Amino acid sequence: MATAIDSKSIVARLEGSSPSLGTKKMSKNKFPKIVVILGPTATGKSDLAVYIAKKFKGEVISADSRQVYEGMDIGSGKITKKEMENIPHHLLDIIDPKKVYNAEQFKRDGTKAIQDILDHKKLPIICGGTGFYIDALVFDEQFPDVPPNKKLRKELEKKSVESLMKEIRKLDPVRAKALDPYNKVRIIRAIEIARVLGKVPKVKRTKQYEALFIGLTLDRSKLRERIHARLEKRMKAGMIREISNLHKNGVSWKRLYDFGLEYRYVSLYLQKKLSKEEMLTKLEQEICQFSKRQMQWFKRNKNIKWFAPFAYIAVEKIVKKFLK
């Protein structure tokens, strides 16, 4: 795992710099500047994003594949109105959880949000842990031109994630390694593309922003402690009730299962397929595994500058220099 950068050395290097938003529209040789705050779950990304937004006249764009859905608040760790501290946040609560939202839609909506923020001479701050979404937006990734195949998707939906992963490994072992083995929607899309093109082609990237990547990380034992404490807090806040209400409002058990993590294991508990103790144990283990997969994704980006949570002054200094 990446280690946190020494904040003292960063502060020493950056003494005396002054901020400038640099958020004008793209000129001939210059790209608009954006800040990206990322990292595994439970590292405090949302709090840091608000802090940086207050310091540099920014607005936050959420890059979380579950926080886009209405009513999925506690389980997804969605920032509250109070925690926002009057900082505008974009791409939260924009779609009904009974509908599907994907990276292509996020890229479209995120690009519009960035431009709106730039138009108001504010600093766009992308914040989240969904690496696939972040890459699609920041690097202007061009997705394969393969239209959805409803018949195929219906057929694949009946299969387990294990059997789907087995198929994509045969079709395209390289793409299979990059997939979340529990994300059924993305696995099905990969199979859909691979069946048409023979494999999932390497995504084409076009630079459109000058991005500063800030990563938050912790060693495994400390991160696990934070995951455990956060899970207890969410349980007390009414996470089981939230997920029960989603089902009562028409979100199927299958859909909740496909959302993964909290929504998967709590829904199994509500169906009496797991005891409460089993649910909590399995869920915590799965969140820890998920954080490892997040880090594996982020490690591919060598431009990320890693910090420990709450190294706010060090991060502020480096953002200040970037915007100079």
Protein backbone atom coordinates (compact mmCIF):
# COMPACT_ATOMS: atom_id res chain seq x y z
CA MET A 1 0.00 0.00 0.00
CA ALA A 2 1.13 3.53 -0.70
CA THR A 3 2.45 5.45 2.25
CA ALA A 4 1.53 8.95 3.32
CA ILE A 5 3.77 11.78 2.27
CA ASP A 6 5.63 13.61 5.02
CA SER A 7 3.58 16.74 5.53
CA LYS A 8 6.48 18.76 6.99
CA SER A 9 8.61 18.31 3.89
CA ILE A 10 5.72 19.36 1.67
CA VAL A 11 5.04 22.47 3.73
CA ALA A 12 8.73 23.40 3.58
CA ARG A 13 8.83 23.04 -0.20
CA LEU A 14 5.70 25.08 -0.75
CA GLU A 15 6.23 28.02 1.59
CA GLY A 16 5.38 31.35 0.08
CA SER A 17 3.18 30.19 -2.80
CA SER A 18 -0.09 32.00 -3.55
CA PRO A 19 -3.35 30.62 -4.95
CA SER A 20 -5.04 31.32 -8.23
CA LEU A 21 -8.10 29.42 -9.32
CA GLY A 22 -6.96 28.95 -12.90
CA THR A 23 -10.50 27.95 -13.77
CA LYS A 24 -10.89 29.72 -17.08
CA LYS A 25 -12.05 27.80 -20.11
CA MET A 26 -9.40 25.99 -22.09
CA SER A 27 -7.08 28.24 -24.08
CA LYS A 28 -4.81 27.13 -26.90
CA ASN A 29 -2.12 25.66 -24.65
CA LYS A 30 -3.80 25.47 -21.26
CA PHE A 31 -6.34 23.13 -19.73
CA PRO A 32 -8.75 24.05 -16.91
CA LYS A 33 -7.48 23.04 -13.50
CA ILE A 34 -9.39 20.62 -11.30
CA VAL A 35 -8.62 18.88 -8.01
CA VAL A 36 -9.41 15.19 -7.48
CA ILE A 37 -9.67 13.78 -3.95
CA LEU A 38 -9.76 10.00 -3.94
CA GLY A 39 -8.81 6.93 -1.93
CA PRO A 40 -10.31 3.87 -0.29
CA THR A 41 -13.47 3.94 1.75
CA ALA A 42 -13.48 5.42 5.29
CA THR A 43 -10.49 7.73 4.80
CA GLY A 44 -12.34 11.05 5.17
CA LYS A 45 -12.43 12.23 1.55
CA SER A 46 -15.70 14.19 1.87
CA ASP A 47 -14.48 16.22 4.85
CA LEU A 48 -11.24 17.12 3.09
CA ALA A 49 -13.13 18.12 -0.06
CA VAL A 50 -15.27 20.55 1.93
CA TYR A 51 -12.16 21.99 3.61
CA ILE A 52 -10.40 22.56 0.27
CA ALA A 53 -13.57 23.98 -1.29
CA LYS A 54 -13.85 26.55 1.50
CA LYS A 55 -10.21 27.55 1.14
CA PHE A 56 -10.18 27.88 -2.65
CA LYS A 57 -13.76 28.82 -3.63
CA GLY A 58 -14.60 25.36 -4.87
CA GLU A 59 -17.61 23.17 -5.46
CA VAL A 60 -17.65 19.40 -5.05
CA ILE A 61 -18.64 16.76 -7.60
CA SER A 62 -19.33 13.37 -6.02
CA ALA A 63 -17.69 10.43 -7.81
CA ASP A 64 -19.48 7.60 -6.06
CA SER A 65 -21.46 4.97 -7.95
CA ARG A 66 -24.11 4.64 -5.22
CA GLN A 67 -24.46 8.20 -3.95
CA VAL A 68 -26.09 9.20 -7.24
CA TYR A 69 -29.20 7.31 -6.11
CA GLU A 70 -32.03 8.85 -4.12
CA GLY A 71 -32.69 7.40 -0.68
CA MET A 72 -29.33 5.64 -0.46
CA ASP A 73 -27.87 7.91 2.19
CA ILE A 74 -26.63 6.07 5.28
CA GLY A 75 -25.49 2.93 3.50
CA SER A 76 -23.48 4.85 0.90
CA GLY A 77 -22.01 7.32 3.39
CA LYS A 78 -23.56 10.30 1.60
CA ILE A 79 -22.50 13.65 3.00
CA THR A 80 -25.26 15.45 4.94
CA LYS A 81 -26.42 19.04 4.41
CA LYS A 82 -24.81 20.02 7.71
CA GLU A 83 -21.49 18.43 6.74
CA MET A 84 -21.51 20.29 3.40
CA GLU A 85 -21.12 23.59 5.29
CA ASN A 86 -22.92 25.46 2.47
CA ILE A 87 -20.51 24.16 -0.18
CA PRO A 88 -22.46 23.18 -3.33
CA HIS A 89 -22.30 19.44 -4.09
CA HIS A 90 -23.13 17.93 -7.48
CA LEU A 91 -24.29 14.48 -8.67
CA LEU A 92 -25.94 13.42 -5.42
CA ASP A 93 -29.53 12.10 -5.45
CA ILE A 94 -29.96 12.43 -9.21
CA ILE A 95 -31.63 9.12 -10.10
CA ASP A 96 -34.18 6.62 -8.80
CA PRO A 97 -32.48 3.47 -7.43
CA LYS A 98 -34.81 1.31 -9.51
CA LYS A 99 -33.02 2.67 -12.60
CA VAL A 100 -29.48 1.92 -13.75
CA TYR A 101 -26.79 4.62 -13.90
CA ASN A 102 -23.41 3.93 -15.50
CA ALA A 103 -19.99 5.47 -16.12
CA GLU A 104 -20.99 6.88 -19.49
CA GLN A 105 -23.86 8.79 -17.89
CA PHE A 106 -21.57 9.93 -15.08
CA LYS A 107 -19.03 11.21 -17.60
CA ARG A 108 -21.77 13.20 -19.36
CA ASP A 109 -23.23 14.66 -16.15
CA GLY A 110 -19.83 15.22 -14.56
CA THR A 111 -18.50 17.07 -17.59
CA LYS A 112 -21.52 19.39 -17.49
CA ALA A 113 -21.06 19.97 -13.75
CA ILE A 114 -17.38 20.84 -14.21
CA GLN A 115 -18.18 23.34 -16.95
CA ASP A 116 -20.94 24.94 -14.85
CA ILE A 117 -18.50 25.35 -11.95
CA LEU A 118 -15.83 26.81 -14.24
CA ASP A 119 -18.37 29.19 -15.74
CA HIS A 120 -18.99 30.55 -12.23
CA LYS A 121 -15.21 30.95 -11.77
CA LYS A 122 -15.10 28.31 -9.06
CA LEU A 123 -12.73 25.37 -8.57
CA PRO A 124 -14.14 21.93 -9.50
CA ILE A 125 -13.27 19.31 -6.87
CA ILE A 126 -13.98 15.69 -7.81
CA CYS A 127 -14.35 13.58 -4.67
CA GLY A 128 -15.00 9.87 -4.34
CA GLY A 129 -13.84 6.30 -4.31
CA THR A 130 -15.24 4.96 -7.60
CA GLY A 131 -12.05 4.87 -9.66
CA PHE A 132 -13.84 3.84 -12.84
CA TYR A 133 -16.03 6.95 -12.68
CA ILE A 134 -13.12 9.25 -11.87
CA ASP A 135 -11.04 7.98 -14.79
CA ALA A 136 -13.98 8.21 -17.21
CA LEU A 137 -14.52 11.86 -16.30
CA VAL A 138 -11.02 13.23 -15.76
CA PHE A 139 -9.36 11.50 -18.71
CA ASP A 140 -12.31 11.91 -21.11
CA GLU A 141 -12.36 8.16 -21.74
CA GLN A 142 -14.05 7.05 -24.94
CA PHE A 143 -16.15 3.93 -24.40
CA PRO A 144 -16.50 1.12 -27.01
CA ASP A 145 -19.30 1.78 -29.48
CA VAL A 146 -21.27 -1.37 -28.71
CA PRO A 147 -25.01 -0.80 -28.20
CA PRO A 148 -26.83 -2.54 -25.33
CA ASN A 149 -28.16 -6.00 -26.11
CA LYS A 150 -31.32 -6.38 -24.01
CA LYS A 151 -31.78 -10.04 -24.86
CA LEU A 152 -28.21 -10.91 -23.87
CA ARG A 153 -28.40 -8.86 -20.70
CA LYS A 154 -31.59 -10.62 -19.64
CA GLU A 155 -29.89 -13.98 -20.21
CA LEU A 156 -26.75 -12.98 -18.29
CA GLU A 157 -28.73 -11.46 -15.40
CA LYS A 158 -29.88 -14.98 -14.47
CA LYS A 159 -26.30 -16.11 -13.87
CA SER A 160 -24.27 -15.70 -10.70
CA VAL A 161 -21.38 -13.24 -10.52
CA GLU A 162 -19.04 -16.21 -10.17
CA SER A 163 -20.14 -17.76 -13.47
CA LEU A 164 -20.07 -14.35 -15.17
CA MET A 165 -16.51 -13.73 -14.00
CA LYS A 166 -15.54 -17.14 -15.30
CA GLU A 167 -16.86 -16.19 -18.75
CA ILE A 168 -15.13 -12.81 -18.92
CA ARG A 169 -11.86 -14.42 -17.84
CA LYS A 170 -12.10 -16.70 -20.86
CA LEU A 171 -13.13 -13.91 -23.22
CA ASP A 172 -10.73 -11.24 -21.97
CA PRO A 173 -8.43 -12.09 -19.03
CA VAL A 174 -6.87 -8.61 -19.05
CA ARG A 175 -10.22 -6.84 -18.61
CA ALA A 176 -11.29 -9.44 -16.05
CA LYS A 177 -8.41 -8.47 -13.76
CA ALA A 178 -9.58 -4.84 -13.68
CA LEU A 179 -13.21 -5.66 -12.87
CA ASP A 180 -14.82 -5.63 -9.45
CA PRO A 181 -15.76 -9.35 -9.16
CA TYR A 182 -18.97 -8.41 -7.34
CA ASN A 183 -20.20 -5.70 -9.71
CA LYS A 184 -22.64 -7.61 -11.88
CA VAL A 185 -23.59 -4.65 -14.07
CA ARG A 186 -20.00 -3.98 -15.14
CA ILE A 187 -19.20 -7.65 -15.65
CA ILE A 188 -22.23 -8.06 -17.92
CA ARG A 189 -21.25 -4.96 -19.91
CA ALA A 190 -17.71 -6.33 -20.32
CA ILE A 191 -19.09 -9.65 -21.61
CA GLU A 192 -21.46 -7.79 -23.93
CA ILE A 193 -18.56 -5.86 -25.48
CA ALA A 194 -16.20 -8.85 -25.59
CA ARG A 195 -18.75 -11.03 -27.38
CA VAL A 196 -19.09 -8.40 -30.12
CA LEU A 197 -15.46 -7.27 -30.46
CA GLY A 198 -13.62 -10.37 -29.29
CA LYS A 199 -12.26 -8.49 -26.29
CA VAL A 200 -12.81 -5.24 -24.41
CA PRO A 201 -10.62 -2.72 -26.25
CA LYS A 202 -8.26 -0.46 -24.35
CA VAL A 203 -10.09 2.74 -23.52
CA LYS A 204 -8.94 5.77 -25.49
CA ARG A 205 -8.07 8.80 -23.39
CA THR A 206 -8.02 12.46 -24.34
CA LYS A 207 -6.64 15.11 -22.01
CA GLN A 208 -9.14 17.83 -21.19
CA TYR A 209 -8.15 18.98 -17.68
CA GLU A 210 -5.03 19.76 -15.68
CA ALA A 211 -5.73 17.57 -12.66
CA LEU A 212 -4.13 17.45 -9.21
CA PHE A 213 -4.73 14.01 -7.70
CA ILE A 214 -4.85 13.94 -3.88
CA GLY A 215 -5.08 10.45 -2.35
CA LEU A 216 -5.94 9.62 1.26
CA THR A 217 -4.71 6.36 2.72
CA LEU A 218 -3.97 4.50 5.96
CA ASP A 219 -2.20 1.30 6.90
CA ARG A 220 -4.46 -1.75 6.85
CA SER A 221 -4.94 -2.12 10.62
CA LYS A 222 -5.94 1.53 11.15
CA LEU A 223 -8.20 1.50 8.13
CA ARG A 224 -9.92 -1.62 9.43
CA GLU A 225 -10.53 0.13 12.77
CA ARG A 226 -12.13 3.05 10.95
CA ILE A 227 -14.28 0.73 8.84
CA HIS A 228 -15.48 -1.06 12.00
CA ALA A 229 -16.29 2.21 13.81
CA ARG A 230 -18.08 3.63 10.77
CA LEU A 231 -20.18 0.48 10.38
CA GLU A 232 -21.29 0.70 14.00
CA LYS A 233 -22.18 4.36 13.49
CA ARG A 234 -24.23 3.58 10.39
CA MET A 235 -26.12 0.84 12.18
CA LYS A 236 -27.03 3.25 14.98
CA ALA A 237 -28.06 5.87 12.40
CA GLY A 238 -30.71 3.53 10.98
CA MET A 239 -29.09 1.82 8.01
CA ILE A 240 -31.30 -1.27 8.31
CA ARG A 241 -34.42 0.90 8.33
CA GLU A 242 -33.17 2.82 5.30
CA ILE A 243 -32.68 -0.35 3.27
CA SER A 244 -35.99 -1.81 4.42
CA ASN A 245 -37.72 1.40 3.24
CA LEU A 246 -36.01 1.17 -0.16
CA HIS A 247 -37.49 -2.28 -0.62
CA LYS A 248 -40.93 -1.12 0.54
CA ASN A 249 -40.72 1.66 -2.05
CA GLY A 250 -40.21 -0.79 -4.89
CA VAL A 251 -36.48 -1.52 -5.02
CA SER A 252 -36.26 -5.30 -5.50
CA TRP A 253 -34.14 -7.59 -3.34
CA LYS A 254 -32.16 -8.44 -6.45
CA ARG A 255 -31.45 -4.78 -7.14
CA LEU A 256 -30.36 -4.20 -3.56
CA TYR A 257 -28.11 -7.26 -3.77
CA ASP A 258 -26.49 -5.91 -6.93
CA PHE A 259 -25.65 -2.61 -5.20
CA GLY A 260 -23.22 -4.62 -3.07
CA LEU A 261 -21.71 -4.08 0.38
CA GLU A 262 -24.19 -2.59 2.88
CA TYR A 263 -27.18 -2.97 0.57
CA ARG A 264 -26.35 -6.57 -0.27
CA TYR A 265 -25.76 -7.89 3.24
CA VAL A 266 -28.48 -5.94 5.00
CA SER A 267 -30.98 -7.08 2.36
CA LEU A 268 -29.92 -10.70 3.00
CA TYR A 269 -30.46 -10.11 6.71
CA LEU A 270 -33.90 -8.60 6.08
CA GLN A 271 -34.81 -11.70 4.06
CA LYS A 272 -33.67 -13.83 7.04
CA LYS A 273 -30.90 -15.42 4.96
CA LEU A 274 -28.28 -14.20 7.45
CA SER A 275 -28.37 -13.57 11.18
CA LYS A 276 -27.51 -10.08 12.34
CA GLU A 277 -24.15 -11.25 13.64
CA GLU A 278 -23.37 -13.04 10.35
CA MET A 279 -24.44 -9.98 8.40
CA LEU A 280 -22.16 -7.62 10.34
CA THR A 281 -19.17 -9.97 10.19
CA LYS A 282 -19.46 -10.68 6.48
CA LEU A 283 -20.17 -7.04 5.67
CA GLU A 284 -17.12 -5.75 7.51
CA GLN A 285 -14.92 -8.34 5.81
CA GLU A 286 -16.32 -7.40 2.41
CA ILE A 287 -15.79 -3.66 2.99
CA CYS A 288 -12.15 -4.37 3.88
CA GLN A 289 -11.76 -6.41 0.68
CA PHE A 290 -13.42 -3.62 -1.27
CA SER A 291 -10.91 -1.08 0.10
CA LYS A 292 -8.08 -3.29 -1.18
CA ARG A 293 -9.62 -3.38 -4.65
CA GLN A 294 -9.95 0.40 -4.58
CA MET A 295 -6.25 0.76 -3.80
CA GLN A 296 -5.32 -1.67 -6.57
CA TRP A 297 -7.21 0.54 -9.02
CA PHE A 298 -5.72 3.80 -7.75
CA LYS A 299 -2.16 2.48 -7.72
CA ARG A 300 -2.24 2.44 -11.51
CA ASN A 301 -2.22 6.25 -11.45
CA LYS A 302 1.35 7.28 -10.66
CA ASN A 303 0.38 10.98 -10.44
CA ILE A 304 -1.55 10.59 -7.18
CA LYS A 305 0.05 12.39 -4.23
CA TRP A 306 -0.74 10.35 -1.12
CA PHE A 307 -1.47 11.75 2.33
CA ALA A 308 -2.70 10.48 5.67
CA PRO A 309 -6.22 11.57 6.66
CA PHE A 310 -6.36 14.98 8.37
CA ALA A 311 -3.09 16.18 6.77
CA TYR A 312 -5.15 19.21 5.81
CA ILE A 313 -2.40 21.83 6.00
CA ALA A 314 -0.07 19.78 3.80
CA VAL A 315 -2.84 19.23 1.25
CA GLU A 316 -3.79 22.91 1.34
CA LYS A 317 -0.17 23.88 0.57
CA ILE A 318 0.08 21.57 -2.42
CA VAL A 319 -3.28 22.71 -3.82
CA LYS A 320 -2.16 26.32 -3.38
CA LYS A 321 0.96 25.71 -5.46
CA PHE A 322 -0.99 23.81 -8.13
CA LEU A 323 -3.39 26.73 -8.57
CA LYS A 324 -0.63 29.36 -8.67
